[in-house]
Amino acid sequence: MGQNPDDMFGDEDYPAYTIGQAAEMLGTSQDFLRRLDEAKLIDPHRSSGGHRRYSRYQLRLAARAREMVDQGTALEAACRIIILEDQLEEALRQNGQQ
């Protein structure tokens, strides 16, 4: 049985967007999104046909990377910074729950 649509669209991690939709929403190219995948910033879900699907959370990371690259930061450096920021945020969140 499938997920309730209300649950899916409220879920930040639900892979709702195709690579074309994601690129259009971010105002970037599909190649840019593939490069973020190669740089290990995002790991899109793969459909049964092998197509990339992105969540809202992943789109926020990609938007941040695009912003940094547009400001002159190298793609690899931007990805590393965002990964470290994300890890720090998660550690602080977990520490606050203890």
Protein backbone atom coordinates (compact mmCIF):
# COMPACT_ATOMS: atom_id res chain seq x y z
CA MET A 1 0.00 0.00 0.00
CA GLY A 2 1.31 3.47 -0.90
CA GLN A 3 1.99 6.44 1.32
CA ASN A 4 -0.74 8.98 2.04
CA PRO A 5 -0.17 11.99 -0.30
CA ASP A 6 -0.43 14.41 2.63
CA ASP A 7 2.37 12.52 4.39
CA MET A 8 4.54 12.46 1.25
CA PHE A 9 4.35 16.17 0.45
CA GLY A 10 4.84 17.18 4.08
CA ASP A 11 7.99 15.05 4.21
CA GLU A 12 11.17 17.08 3.55
CA ASP A 13 12.95 13.92 2.41
CA TYR A 14 10.29 12.61 0.00
CA PRO A 15 11.86 12.48 -3.51
CA ALA A 16 9.11 14.39 -5.30
CA TYR A 17 11.05 16.25 -8.02
CA THR A 18 12.64 15.04 -11.23
CA ILE A 19 16.01 16.41 -12.28
CA GLY A 20 14.30 18.62 -14.87
CA GLN A 21 11.88 20.04 -12.32
CA ALA A 22 14.68 20.57 -9.80
CA ALA A 23 16.90 22.37 -12.35
CA GLU A 24 14.03 24.61 -13.41
CA MET A 25 13.08 25.45 -9.82
CA LEU A 26 16.70 26.34 -8.99
CA GLY A 27 17.38 28.17 -12.24
CA THR A 28 20.34 25.95 -13.01
CA SER A 29 21.27 23.15 -15.37
CA GLN A 30 20.72 19.44 -14.93
CA ASP A 31 24.48 19.05 -15.29
CA PHE A 32 25.00 21.24 -12.21
CA LEU A 33 22.77 18.88 -10.22
CA ARG A 34 24.70 15.87 -11.52
CA ARG A 35 27.94 17.52 -10.41
CA LEU A 36 26.52 17.99 -6.90
CA ASP A 37 25.78 14.27 -6.89
CA GLU A 38 29.36 13.51 -7.99
CA ALA A 39 30.69 15.84 -5.26
CA LYS A 40 28.62 13.87 -2.70
CA LEU A 41 26.61 16.90 -1.58
CA ILE A 42 23.33 15.26 -2.48
CA ASP A 43 22.45 11.66 -3.16
CA PRO A 44 19.19 11.70 -5.10
CA HIS A 45 16.80 8.80 -4.89
CA ARG A 46 16.75 6.65 -8.02
CA SER A 47 13.45 5.54 -9.51
CA SER A 48 13.05 1.95 -10.70
CA GLY A 49 14.08 3.24 -14.12
CA GLY A 50 17.24 4.83 -12.72
CA HIS A 51 16.03 8.45 -12.91
CA ARG A 52 17.13 10.92 -10.25
CA ARG A 53 14.44 12.20 -7.86
CA TYR A 54 15.10 15.07 -5.44
CA SER A 55 13.58 16.04 -2.10
CA ARG A 56 12.93 19.56 -0.83
CA TYR A 57 15.81 19.14 1.60
CA GLN A 58 18.17 18.28 -1.28
CA LEU A 59 16.90 21.24 -3.28
CA ARG A 60 17.73 23.58 -0.40
CA LEU A 61 21.29 22.21 -0.31
CA ALA A 62 21.58 22.59 -4.09
CA ALA A 63 20.28 26.17 -3.91
CA ARG A 64 22.90 27.00 -1.28
CA ALA A 65 25.62 25.46 -3.46
CA ARG A 66 24.46 27.44 -6.48
CA GLU A 67 24.49 30.65 -4.44
CA MET A 68 28.05 30.00 -3.28
CA VAL A 69 29.27 29.06 -6.76
CA ASP A 70 27.63 32.18 -8.19
CA GLN A 71 29.61 34.20 -5.61
CA GLY A 72 32.88 32.66 -6.83
CA THR A 73 33.40 29.67 -4.54
CA ALA A 74 34.69 26.56 -6.29
CA LEU A 75 32.04 23.84 -6.53
CA GLU A 76 34.04 21.30 -4.52
CA ALA A 77 34.75 23.84 -1.77
CA ALA A 78 31.11 24.94 -1.65
CA CYS A 79 29.98 21.33 -1.30
CA ARG A 80 32.46 20.66 1.49
CA ILE A 81 31.40 23.81 3.38
CA ILE A 82 27.72 22.90 3.08
CA ILE A 83 28.35 19.33 4.22
CA LEU A 84 30.26 20.59 7.27
CA GLU A 85 27.55 23.15 8.07
CA ASP A 86 24.90 20.44 7.81
CA GLN A 87 26.89 18.09 10.08
CA LEU A 88 27.37 20.87 12.64
CA GLU A 89 23.66 21.73 12.61
CA GLU A 90 22.76 18.06 13.14
CA ALA A 91 25.28 17.69 15.98
CA LEU A 92 23.95 20.81 17.69
CA ARG A 93 20.39 19.57 17.29
CA GLN A 94 21.26 16.18 18.77
CA ASN A 95 23.23 17.80 21.59
CA GLY A 96 20.25 20.00 22.43
CA GLN A 97 18.02 16.93 22.78
CA GLN A 98 20.22 15.38 25.49
